[in-house]
Amino acid sequence: MTCLSADFAHRFVWRRSRAHREVYRDRGVRLSRVASESVSALSAVDAIRNIVAVMRARWHLRSAAARGPKVRVWGRLTVHNDGDLRVGDRIRLVSKPVPIEIAVGPQGMLTLGDNVYINYGCSIAAMQSVHIGSGAHIGPYVFIMDNDFHRLEPERRDEMPPSAPIYIGDNVWLGARAIILRGVTIGDGSVVAAGSVVSRDVPPRSIVGGVPAKLIGSVDDERVETASSGD
């Protein structure tokens, strides 16, 4: 009798565990199906957002003489183009919550290379020539102006001084609220610290910062990389 009870208990436990395994397997199938559907839904949403961003770029940059097919704009872009505006491909313009402002004068030329990223609140003014190289990253509230727009002399303060071209090389990183003044060349791969005012040329692969901006180091300096990684 004891053996029969033990055998019955063993079968009962085995069947119950089998039922639990089947329930958990069904739950796993359902969960994986839900997860797959969620990923598909997110992918669809991202695709729609990208399409909208591309269409928005085509509208806001319709006055450009050249524009890459995969330029994207998020938010509302403010463009005053009376000159020559040329925009590369795969550029990302995050013009929200504060719009990006782009102004090109009648004699001006603004060129943006491929894969440029510009964050919100930036102002770019090209009265003569502003070139931003491929792969450049521009932080929020950066000002790039090739003209001071007012002379220093009080009696001539309403007059516009001569412009001087700005050249920003490839893969340059401009930190938040940096100001790039007229006549400046920033070499490839350089970094400008946040809040800096750049009034002189920056050698390639250099790190500058301050007001006015001065040389801090090189992007190839291990000590600078170690210090920055600890922030």
Protein backbone atom coordinates (compact mmCIF):
# COMPACT_ATOMS: atom_id res chain seq x y z
CA MET A 1 0.00 0.00 0.00
CA THR A 2 2.87 2.26 0.79
CA CYS A 3 4.52 1.49 -2.54
CA LEU A 4 1.31 2.30 -4.40
CA SER A 5 0.99 5.62 -2.57
CA ALA A 6 4.58 6.51 -3.37
CA ASP A 7 4.13 5.59 -7.05
CA PHE A 8 0.94 7.60 -7.24
CA ALA A 9 2.63 10.60 -5.64
CA HIS A 10 5.56 10.33 -8.05
CA ARG A 11 3.25 10.26 -11.09
CA PHE A 12 1.23 13.17 -9.73
CA VAL A 13 4.34 15.30 -9.21
CA TRP A 14 5.73 14.37 -12.67
CA ARG A 15 2.46 15.27 -14.40
CA ARG A 16 2.21 18.52 -12.47
CA SER A 17 5.77 19.50 -13.32
CA ARG A 18 5.14 18.62 -16.97
CA ALA A 19 2.04 20.81 -16.96
CA HIS A 20 4.06 23.64 -15.43
CA ARG A 21 6.75 23.25 -18.09
CA GLU A 22 4.15 23.44 -20.83
CA VAL A 23 2.62 26.56 -19.24
CA TYR A 24 6.02 28.23 -18.94
CA ARG A 25 6.90 27.23 -22.49
CA ASP A 26 3.66 28.75 -23.75
CA ARG A 27 4.34 31.89 -21.73
CA GLY A 28 7.85 32.08 -23.15
CA VAL A 29 6.52 31.76 -26.69
CA ARG A 30 3.95 34.48 -26.02
CA LEU A 31 6.54 36.76 -24.39
CA SER A 32 9.00 36.32 -27.25
CA ARG A 33 6.19 37.00 -29.71
CA VAL A 34 5.22 40.19 -27.83
CA ALA A 35 8.86 41.27 -27.67
CA SER A 36 9.29 40.66 -31.39
CA GLU A 37 6.14 42.63 -32.17
CA SER A 38 7.33 45.47 -29.89
CA VAL A 39 10.69 45.62 -31.65
CA SER A 40 8.93 45.66 -35.01
CA ALA A 41 6.67 48.46 -33.82
CA LEU A 42 9.63 50.48 -32.54
CA SER A 43 11.46 49.92 -35.83
CA ALA A 44 8.42 51.14 -37.72
CA VAL A 45 8.17 54.24 -35.51
CA ASP A 46 11.88 55.01 -36.01
CA ALA A 47 11.50 54.56 -39.75
CA ILE A 48 8.56 56.98 -39.82
CA ARG A 49 10.49 59.52 -37.74
CA ASN A 50 13.44 59.30 -40.11
CA ILE A 51 11.20 59.80 -43.12
CA VAL A 52 9.64 62.86 -41.50
CA ALA A 53 13.11 64.22 -40.63
CA VAL A 54 14.26 63.79 -44.24
CA MET A 55 11.14 65.51 -45.60
CA ARG A 56 11.59 68.34 -43.10
CA ALA A 57 15.19 68.79 -44.27
CA ARG A 58 14.10 69.00 -47.89
CA TRP A 59 11.60 71.69 -47.01
CA HIS A 60 13.77 73.85 -44.76
CA LEU A 61 16.83 73.51 -47.02
CA ARG A 62 14.98 73.90 -50.31
CA SER A 63 17.01 77.03 -51.12
CA ALA A 64 20.32 75.13 -50.97
CA ALA A 65 22.27 74.85 -54.21
CA ALA A 66 23.19 71.29 -53.26
CA ARG A 67 21.78 68.94 -50.63
CA GLY A 68 22.47 65.30 -49.85
CA PRO A 69 19.53 62.87 -50.08
CA LYS A 70 19.78 61.70 -46.46
CA VAL A 71 19.96 64.99 -44.57
CA ARG A 72 17.69 64.96 -41.50
CA VAL A 73 16.22 67.80 -39.45
CA TRP A 74 14.43 67.45 -36.13
CA GLY A 75 12.48 70.54 -35.11
CA ARG A 76 12.13 73.84 -36.92
CA LEU A 77 15.19 75.13 -38.78
CA THR A 78 15.57 78.88 -39.43
CA VAL A 79 17.29 79.55 -42.76
CA HIS A 80 17.99 82.93 -44.40
CA ASN A 81 19.82 82.11 -47.61
CA ASP A 82 20.67 84.93 -50.00
CA GLY A 83 23.93 83.36 -51.17
CA ASP A 84 25.34 79.90 -51.82
CA LEU A 85 24.37 77.13 -49.39
CA ARG A 86 25.74 73.63 -49.98
CA VAL A 87 24.83 70.75 -47.69
CA GLY A 88 26.47 67.31 -47.77
CA ASP A 89 24.89 63.94 -47.10
CA ARG A 90 23.84 62.24 -43.83
CA ILE A 91 23.83 65.51 -41.90
CA ARG A 92 21.85 65.61 -38.65
CA LEU A 93 20.40 68.92 -37.46
CA VAL A 94 18.72 68.76 -34.05
CA SER A 95 16.79 72.03 -34.16
CA LYS A 96 14.74 71.54 -30.99
CA PRO A 97 13.90 72.64 -28.35
CA VAL A 98 15.77 75.74 -29.62
CA PRO A 99 16.00 76.29 -33.41
CA ILE A 100 19.26 76.31 -35.33
CA GLU A 101 19.83 79.56 -37.24
CA ILE A 102 21.60 79.62 -40.60
CA ALA A 103 22.24 82.90 -42.45
CA VAL A 104 24.06 83.25 -45.76
CA GLY A 105 24.64 86.75 -47.14
CA PRO A 106 24.38 87.78 -50.81
CA GLN A 107 28.13 87.35 -51.27
CA GLY A 108 28.42 84.48 -48.81
CA MET A 109 28.97 80.75 -49.10
CA LEU A 110 28.26 78.11 -46.45
CA THR A 111 29.45 74.55 -47.01
CA LEU A 112 28.62 71.61 -44.74
CA GLY A 113 30.48 68.35 -45.35
CA ASP A 114 29.08 64.84 -44.96
CA ASN A 115 28.07 63.37 -41.58
CA VAL A 116 28.01 66.71 -39.77
CA TYR A 117 26.08 66.85 -36.50
CA ILE A 118 24.74 70.21 -35.27
CA ASN A 119 22.92 70.49 -31.96
CA TYR A 120 20.15 72.92 -30.99
CA GLY A 121 20.51 76.67 -30.52
CA CYS A 122 23.47 77.11 -32.89
CA SER A 123 23.90 80.21 -35.08
CA ILE A 124 25.96 80.11 -38.27
CA ALA A 125 26.46 83.29 -40.32
CA ALA A 126 28.36 83.30 -43.61
CA MET A 127 28.79 86.75 -45.14
CA GLN A 128 31.84 85.60 -47.12
CA SER A 129 32.75 81.95 -46.51
CA VAL A 130 32.20 79.35 -43.79
CA HIS A 131 33.31 75.77 -44.35
CA ILE A 132 32.47 72.97 -41.89
CA GLY A 133 34.27 69.75 -42.69
CA SER A 134 32.92 66.22 -42.78
CA GLY A 135 32.32 64.46 -39.49
CA ALA A 136 32.27 67.67 -37.46
CA HIS A 137 30.30 67.67 -34.19
CA ILE A 138 28.90 70.99 -33.05
CA GLY A 139 27.45 71.29 -29.55
CA PRO A 140 24.46 73.38 -28.47
CA TYR A 141 24.50 77.18 -28.64
CA VAL A 142 27.69 77.41 -30.72
CA PHE A 143 28.21 80.67 -32.68
CA ILE A 144 30.13 80.64 -35.97
CA MET A 145 30.34 84.07 -37.66
CA ASP A 146 32.73 85.25 -40.36
CA ASN A 147 31.83 88.89 -39.67
CA ASP A 148 31.62 90.93 -36.45
CA PHE A 149 28.69 92.92 -37.96
CA HIS A 150 29.74 96.12 -36.13
CA ARG A 151 32.94 98.16 -36.20
CA LEU A 152 34.72 98.91 -32.95
CA GLU A 153 34.82 102.71 -33.34
CA PRO A 154 31.80 104.30 -31.60
CA GLU A 155 31.20 106.76 -34.43
CA ARG A 156 31.15 103.87 -36.96
CA ARG A 157 29.40 101.28 -34.80
CA ASP A 158 26.55 100.85 -37.30
CA GLU A 159 28.94 99.96 -40.13
CA MET A 160 29.77 96.37 -41.02
CA PRO A 161 33.50 95.54 -41.08
CA PRO A 162 35.12 93.30 -43.72
CA SER A 163 34.46 89.57 -43.48
CA ALA A 164 37.13 86.91 -43.16
CA PRO A 165 36.56 83.24 -44.04
CA ILE A 166 36.20 80.52 -41.41
CA TYR A 167 37.49 77.04 -42.15
CA ILE A 168 36.61 74.18 -39.79
CA GLY A 169 38.33 70.94 -40.75
CA ASP A 170 37.10 67.36 -40.74
CA ASN A 171 36.14 65.60 -37.50
CA VAL A 172 36.33 68.77 -35.39
CA TRP A 173 34.41 68.85 -32.11
CA LEU A 174 33.09 72.22 -30.94
CA GLY A 175 31.87 72.16 -27.32
CA ALA A 176 28.71 73.85 -26.11
CA ARG A 177 28.56 77.66 -26.34
CA ALA A 178 31.88 77.94 -28.16
CA ILE A 179 32.29 81.05 -30.34
CA ILE A 180 34.29 80.92 -33.58
CA LEU A 181 35.27 84.38 -34.83
CA ARG A 182 36.10 85.55 -38.33
CA GLY A 183 39.30 84.54 -40.07
CA VAL A 184 39.83 81.38 -37.99
CA THR A 185 41.04 78.02 -39.30
CA ILE A 186 40.53 74.96 -37.09
CA GLY A 187 42.60 71.98 -38.17
CA ASP A 188 41.29 68.45 -38.70
CA GLY A 189 40.46 66.42 -35.60
CA SER A 190 40.72 69.31 -33.14
CA VAL A 191 38.58 69.89 -30.05
CA VAL A 192 37.34 73.26 -28.77
CA ALA A 193 36.31 73.24 -25.11
CA ALA A 194 32.87 74.42 -24.07
CA GLY A 195 32.49 78.19 -23.65
CA SER A 196 35.69 79.02 -25.53
CA VAL A 197 36.17 82.03 -27.81
CA VAL A 198 38.40 81.09 -30.75
CA SER A 199 40.06 84.12 -32.34
CA ARG A 200 43.23 82.47 -33.72
CA ASP A 201 44.01 79.44 -35.85
CA VAL A 202 44.00 76.01 -34.19
CA PRO A 203 46.53 73.38 -35.35
CA PRO A 204 45.23 69.94 -36.37
CA ARG A 205 44.47 67.43 -33.60
CA SER A 206 44.75 70.09 -30.91
CA ILE A 207 42.68 70.82 -27.82
CA VAL A 208 42.02 74.48 -27.07
CA GLY A 209 39.96 76.24 -24.44
CA GLY A 210 39.41 79.51 -22.63
CA VAL A 211 38.69 83.15 -23.46
CA PRO A 212 40.50 83.70 -25.70
CA ALA A 213 41.11 80.06 -26.54
CA LYS A 214 44.63 78.77 -25.88
CA LEU A 215 46.33 75.47 -26.54
CA ILE A 216 45.62 72.90 -23.81
CA GLY A 217 47.10 69.81 -25.39
CA SER A 218 46.77 67.29 -28.17
CA VAL A 219 44.08 64.70 -28.78
CA ASP A 220 46.93 62.19 -28.96
CA ASP A 221 48.15 63.06 -25.46
CA GLU A 222 47.35 60.11 -23.16
CA ARG A 223 47.32 62.36 -20.10
CA VAL A 224 44.63 64.56 -21.60
CA GLU A 225 42.52 61.48 -22.52
CA THR A 226 42.88 60.09 -19.00
CA ALA A 227 41.85 63.38 -17.42
CA SER A 228 38.86 63.83 -19.68
CA SER A 229 37.66 60.27 -19.21
CA GLY A 230 37.48 60.84 -15.47
CA ASP A 231 34.98 63.70 -15.75
